[in-house]
C-alpha atoms as a PDB file:
ATOM      1  CA  UNK A   1     102.508  74.808  93.497  1.00  0.00           C
ATOM      2  CA  UNK A   2      99.808  76.059  91.124  1.00  0.00           C
ATOM      3  CA  UNK A   3      98.912  79.746  91.327  1.00  0.00           C
ATOM      4  CA  UNK A   4      95.333  80.951  91.022  1.00  0.00           C
ATOM      5  CA  UNK A   5      95.318  84.156  89.004  1.00  0.00           C
ATOM      6  CA  UNK A   6      91.600  84.998  89.244  1.00  0.00           C
ATOM      7  CA  UNK A   7      92.422  88.136  91.262  1.00  0.00           C
ATOM      8  CA  UNK A   8      95.190  90.520  90.231  1.00  0.00           C
ATOM      9  CA  UNK A   9      96.187  93.474  92.415  1.00  0.00           C
ATOM     10  CA  UNK A  10      97.953  96.374  90.748  1.00  0.00           C
ATOM     11  CA  UNK A  11      99.501  99.098  92.896  1.00  0.00           C
ATOM     12  CA  UNK A  12      99.517 102.632  91.521  1.00  0.00           C
ATOM     13  CA  UNK A  13     101.156 105.882  92.457  1.00  0.00           C
ATOM     14  CA  UNK A  14      99.752 107.425  89.237  1.00  0.00           C
ATOM     15  CA  UNK A  15     103.214 107.521  87.649  1.00  0.00           C
ATOM     16  CA  UNK A  16     104.131 106.498  84.100  1.00  0.00           C
ATOM     17  CA  UNK A  17     105.503 103.224  85.461  1.00  0.00           C
ATOM     18  CA  UNK A  18     102.300 102.414  87.331  1.00  0.00           C
ATOM     19  CA  UNK A  19     100.225 103.184  84.215  1.00  0.00           C
ATOM     20  CA  UNK A  20     102.333 100.610  82.343  1.00  0.00           C
ATOM     21  CA  UNK A  21     101.723  98.161  85.205  1.00  0.00           C
ATOM     22  CA  UNK A  22      97.972  98.793  84.986  1.00  0.00           C
ATOM     23  CA  UNK A  23      97.976  98.125  81.225  1.00  0.00           C
ATOM     24  CA  UNK A  24      99.791  94.820  81.861  1.00  0.00           C
ATOM     25  CA  UNK A  25      97.395  93.856  84.663  1.00  0.00           C
ATOM     26  CA  UNK A  26      94.304  94.602  82.547  1.00  0.00           C
ATOM     27  CA  UNK A  27      95.733  92.663  79.605  1.00  0.00           C
ATOM     28  CA  UNK A  28      96.491  89.663  81.825  1.00  0.00           C
ATOM     29  CA  UNK A  29      93.052  89.876  83.430  1.00  0.00           C
ATOM     30  CA  UNK A  30      91.365  89.800  80.008  1.00  0.00           C
ATOM     31  CA  UNK A  31      93.362  86.731  79.018  1.00  0.00           C
ATOM     32  CA  UNK A  32      92.810  84.935  82.339  1.00  0.00           C
ATOM     33  CA  UNK A  33      89.218  86.050  82.999  1.00  0.00           C
ATOM     34  CA  UNK A  34      90.432  87.613  86.232  1.00  0.00           C
ATOM     35  CA  UNK A  35      89.313  90.658  88.154  1.00  0.00           C
ATOM     36  CA  UNK A  36      91.666  93.555  88.867  1.00  0.00           C
ATOM     37  CA  UNK A  37      92.008  95.517  92.091  1.00  0.00           C
ATOM     38  CA  UNK A  38      93.736  98.865  91.637  1.00  0.00           C
ATOM     39  CA  UNK A  39      95.155 100.040  94.937  1.00  0.00           C
ATOM     40  CA  UNK A  40      96.759 103.350  95.910  1.00  0.00           C
ATOM     41  CA  UNK A  41      98.319 104.045  99.287  1.00  0.00           C
ATOM     42  CA  UNK A  42      98.068 107.582 100.632  1.00  0.00           C
ATOM     43  CA  UNK A  43     100.545 108.608 103.267  1.00  0.00           C
ATOM     44  CA  UNK A  44      99.358 108.535 106.860  1.00  0.00           C
ATOM     45  CA  UNK A  45     100.378 111.966 108.070  1.00  0.00           C
ATOM     46  CA  UNK A  46     101.251 112.730 111.671  1.00  0.00           C
ATOM     47  CA  UNK A  47     101.386 116.259 113.019  1.00  0.00           C
ATOM     48  CA  UNK A  48     104.869 117.578 113.823  1.00  0.00           C
ATOM     49  CA  UNK A  49     103.450 119.308 116.887  1.00  0.00           C
ATOM     50  CA  UNK A  50     100.578 117.124 118.153  1.00  0.00           C
ATOM     51  CA  UNK A  51      99.881 119.503 121.036  1.00  0.00           C
ATOM     52  CA  UNK A  52      99.141 122.290 118.537  1.00  0.00           C
ATOM     53  CA  UNK A  53      95.513 122.316 117.428  1.00  0.00           C
ATOM     54  CA  UNK A  54      96.402 124.416 114.375  1.00  0.00           C
ATOM     55  CA  UNK A  55      99.101 121.923 113.343  1.00  0.00           C
ATOM     56  CA  UNK A  56      96.760 118.948 113.825  1.00  0.00           C
ATOM     57  CA  UNK A  57      94.012 120.626 111.800  1.00  0.00           C
ATOM     58  CA  UNK A  58      96.438 121.584 109.009  1.00  0.00           C
ATOM     59  CA  UNK A  59      97.743 118.020 108.788  1.00  0.00           C
ATOM     60  CA  UNK A  60      94.209 116.580 108.794  1.00  0.00           C
ATOM     61  CA  UNK A  61      93.160 119.022 106.052  1.00  0.00           C
ATOM     62  CA  UNK A  62      96.215 118.126 103.954  1.00  0.00           C
ATOM     63  CA  UNK A  63      95.515 114.402 104.373  1.00  0.00           C
ATOM     64  CA  UNK A  64      91.835 114.844 103.391  1.00  0.00           C
ATOM     65  CA  UNK A  65      92.848 116.822 100.293  1.00  0.00           C
ATOM     66  CA  UNK A  66      95.390 114.186  99.258  1.00  0.00           C
ATOM     67  CA  UNK A  67      92.867 111.388  99.779  1.00  0.00           C
ATOM     68  CA  UNK A  68      90.177 113.227  97.803  1.00  0.00           C
ATOM     69  CA  UNK A  69      92.622 113.768  94.938  1.00  0.00           C
ATOM     70  CA  UNK A  70      93.706 110.117  95.049  1.00  0.00           C
ATOM     71  CA  UNK A  71      90.071 108.936  94.941  1.00  0.00           C
ATOM     72  CA  UNK A  72      89.449 111.209  91.937  1.00  0.00           C
ATOM     73  CA  UNK A  73      92.490 109.824  90.134  1.00  0.00           C
ATOM     74  CA  UNK A  74      91.515 106.224  90.919  1.00  0.00           C
ATOM     75  CA  UNK A  75      88.046 106.848  89.483  1.00  0.00           C
ATOM     76  CA  UNK A  76      89.659 108.387  86.406  1.00  0.00           C
ATOM     77  CA  UNK A  77      91.622 105.175  85.808  1.00  0.00           C
ATOM     78  CA  UNK A  78      88.416 103.160  85.418  1.00  0.00           C
ATOM     79  CA  UNK A  79      86.101 105.648  83.740  1.00  0.00           C
ATOM     80  CA  UNK A  80      86.157 103.808  80.402  1.00  0.00           C
ATOM     81  CA  UNK A  81      84.154 100.578  80.057  1.00  0.00           C
ATOM     82  CA  UNK A  82      86.212  97.403  80.290  1.00  0.00           C
ATOM     83  CA  UNK A  83      85.685  93.695  79.739  1.00  0.00           C
ATOM     84  CA  UNK A  84      87.429  93.196  83.060  1.00  0.00           C
ATOM     85  CA  UNK A  85      85.882  93.584  86.510  1.00  0.00           C
ATOM     86  CA  UNK A  86      87.823  96.395  88.182  1.00  0.00           C
ATOM     87  CA  UNK A  87      87.760  97.448  91.830  1.00  0.00           C
ATOM     88  CA  UNK A  88      89.578 100.492  93.188  1.00  0.00           C
ATOM     89  CA  UNK A  89      90.787 100.859  96.738  1.00  0.00           C
ATOM     90  CA  UNK A  90      92.407 103.753  98.563  1.00  0.00           C
ATOM     91  CA  UNK A  91      94.454 102.755 101.591  1.00  0.00           C
ATOM     92  CA  UNK A  92      96.008 105.076 104.163  1.00  0.00           C
ATOM     93  CA  UNK A  93      99.133 103.748 105.822  1.00  0.00           C
ATOM     94  CA  UNK A  94     102.617 104.766 106.963  1.00  0.00           C
ATOM     95  CA  UNK A  95     104.287 101.875 105.091  1.00  0.00           C
ATOM     96  CA  UNK A  96     102.868 101.512 101.551  1.00  0.00           C
ATOM     97  CA  UNK A  97     104.418  98.112 100.830  1.00  0.00           C
ATOM     98  CA  UNK A  98     102.919  96.622 103.999  1.00  0.00           C
ATOM     99  CA  UNK A  99      99.483  98.023 103.141  1.00  0.00           C
ATOM    100  CA  UNK A 100      99.685  96.672  99.582  1.00  0.00           C
ATOM    101  CA  UNK A 101     100.717  93.201 100.735  1.00  0.00           C
ATOM    102  CA  UNK A 102      98.060  93.161 103.437  1.00  0.00           C
ATOM    103  CA  UNK A 103      95.455  94.073 100.827  1.00  0.00           C
ATOM    104  CA  UNK A 104      96.701  91.223  98.599  1.00  0.00           C
ATOM    105  CA  UNK A 105      96.057  88.837 101.489  1.00  0.00           C
ATOM    106  CA  UNK A 106      92.647  90.383 102.187  1.00  0.00           C
ATOM    107  CA  UNK A 107      91.391  89.871  98.610  1.00  0.00           C
ATOM    108  CA  UNK A 108      93.240  86.569  98.115  1.00  0.00           C
ATOM    109  CA  UNK A 109      95.257  87.922  95.182  1.00  0.00           C
ATOM    110  CA  UNK A 110      97.068  85.487  92.932  1.00  0.00           C
ATOM    111  CA  UNK A 111      99.364  88.138  91.438  1.00  0.00           C
ATOM    112  CA  UNK A 112     100.652  91.574  92.369  1.00  0.00           C
ATOM    113  CA  UNK A 113     101.628  93.907  89.519  1.00  0.00           C
ATOM    114  CA  UNK A 114     103.780  96.960  90.245  1.00  0.00           C
ATOM    115  CA  UNK A 115     105.522  99.534  88.126  1.00  0.00           C
ATOM    116  CA  UNK A 116     109.202 100.154  88.590  1.00  0.00           C
ATOM    117  CA  UNK A 117     111.407 102.981  87.414  1.00  0.00           C
ATOM    118  CA  UNK A 118     114.613 101.000  87.633  1.00  0.00           C
ATOM    119  CA  UNK A 119     116.837 103.068  89.896  1.00  0.00           C
ATOM    120  CA  UNK A 120     120.559 102.475  89.872  1.00  0.00           C
ATOM    121  CA  UNK A 121     121.673  99.582  92.120  1.00  0.00           C
ATOM    122  CA  UNK A 122     123.252 101.945  94.666  1.00  0.00           C
ATOM    123  CA  UNK A 123     119.977 103.864  95.050  1.00  0.00           C
ATOM    124  CA  UNK A 124     118.061 100.604  95.552  1.00  0.00           C
ATOM    125  CA  UNK A 125     120.604  99.475  98.134  1.00  0.00           C
ATOM    126  CA  UNK A 126     120.454 102.712 100.108  1.00  0.00           C
ATOM    127  CA  UNK A 127     116.813 103.657  99.707  1.00  0.00           C
ATOM    128  CA  UNK A 128     114.915 100.786  98.142  1.00  0.00           C
ATOM    129  CA  UNK A 129     111.571 101.205  96.475  1.00  0.00           C
ATOM    130  CA  UNK A 130     108.028 100.210  97.239  1.00  0.00           C
ATOM    131  CA  UNK A 131     108.108  97.777  94.295  1.00  0.00           C
ATOM    132  CA  UNK A 132     111.318  96.233  95.589  1.00  0.00           C
ATOM    133  CA  UNK A 133     109.945  95.918  99.124  1.00  0.00           C
ATOM    134  CA  UNK A 134     106.764  94.319  97.814  1.00  0.00           C
ATOM    135  CA  UNK A 135     108.755  91.846  95.756  1.00  0.00           C
ATOM    136  CA  UNK A 136     110.931  90.830  98.703  1.00  0.00           C
ATOM    137  CA  UNK A 137     108.096  90.402 101.211  1.00  0.00           C
ATOM    138  CA  UNK A 138     105.245  89.139  99.028  1.00  0.00           C
ATOM    139  CA  UNK A 139     103.738  85.684  99.427  1.00  0.00           C
ATOM    140  CA  UNK A 140     102.244  85.885  95.903  1.00  0.00           C
ATOM    141  CA  UNK A 141     104.096  86.272  92.597  1.00  0.00           C
ATOM    142  CA  UNK A 142     105.032  89.859  91.736  1.00  0.00           C
ATOM    143  CA  UNK A 143     105.237  91.181  88.183  1.00  0.00           C
ATOM    144  CA  UNK A 144     107.477  94.255  88.013  1.00  0.00           C
ATOM    145  CA  UNK A 145     106.769  96.373  84.925  1.00  0.00           C
ATOM    146  CA  UNK A 146     109.087  99.088  83.565  1.00  0.00           C
ATOM    147  CA  UNK A 147     107.489 102.376  82.395  1.00  0.00           C
ATOM    148  CA  UNK A 148     107.861 101.724  78.662  1.00  0.00           C
ATOM    149  CA  UNK A 149     106.448  98.197  78.666  1.00  0.00           C
ATOM    150  CA  UNK A 150     103.643  97.544  76.232  1.00  0.00           C
ATOM    151  CA  UNK A 151     100.906  95.065  77.057  1.00  0.00           C
ATOM    152  CA  UNK A 152     100.931  91.916  74.923  1.00  0.00           C
ATOM    153  CA  UNK A 153      97.677  92.965  73.236  1.00  0.00           C
ATOM    154  CA  UNK A 154      99.333  96.234  72.131  1.00  0.00           C
ATOM    155  CA  UNK A 155     102.254  94.401  70.503  1.00  0.00           C
ATOM    156  CA  UNK A 156      99.933  91.930  68.782  1.00  0.00           C
ATOM    157  CA  UNK A 157      98.015  94.776  67.147  1.00  0.00           C
ATOM    158  CA  UNK A 158     101.183  96.384  65.770  1.00  0.00           C
END
């Protein structure tokens, strides 16, 4: 089966690992003449006490603030001009990995790039990670990038 890599989705949580993943995705996109979709998933909050108007309003306010901050940080990631077409997308969902994979289907992604911090095997077994869940459930290839990874273009310049 031949993969079409004209659309690369990179998931970000704004961590060091996801910045490394973004660098890899942009480098690959330059080399493959692909476009990059940077996606962040904000948590879908539910009030603890749905019958309480004050609790509902507090949760809605907190969600709006988090989403506004996430949109600001997404815009910050693409503020510098690039040779690559970049799209940002903020999703709100209770299960980040499901939202990321659904978005990959929606944009017909050929590759998903995610950062990983490399937890100990026991932690992964008990808790798992969003990157791990994406890798296991994805229908497209997944590139998992550790935080210290340098993009190929960075190593070529050295």
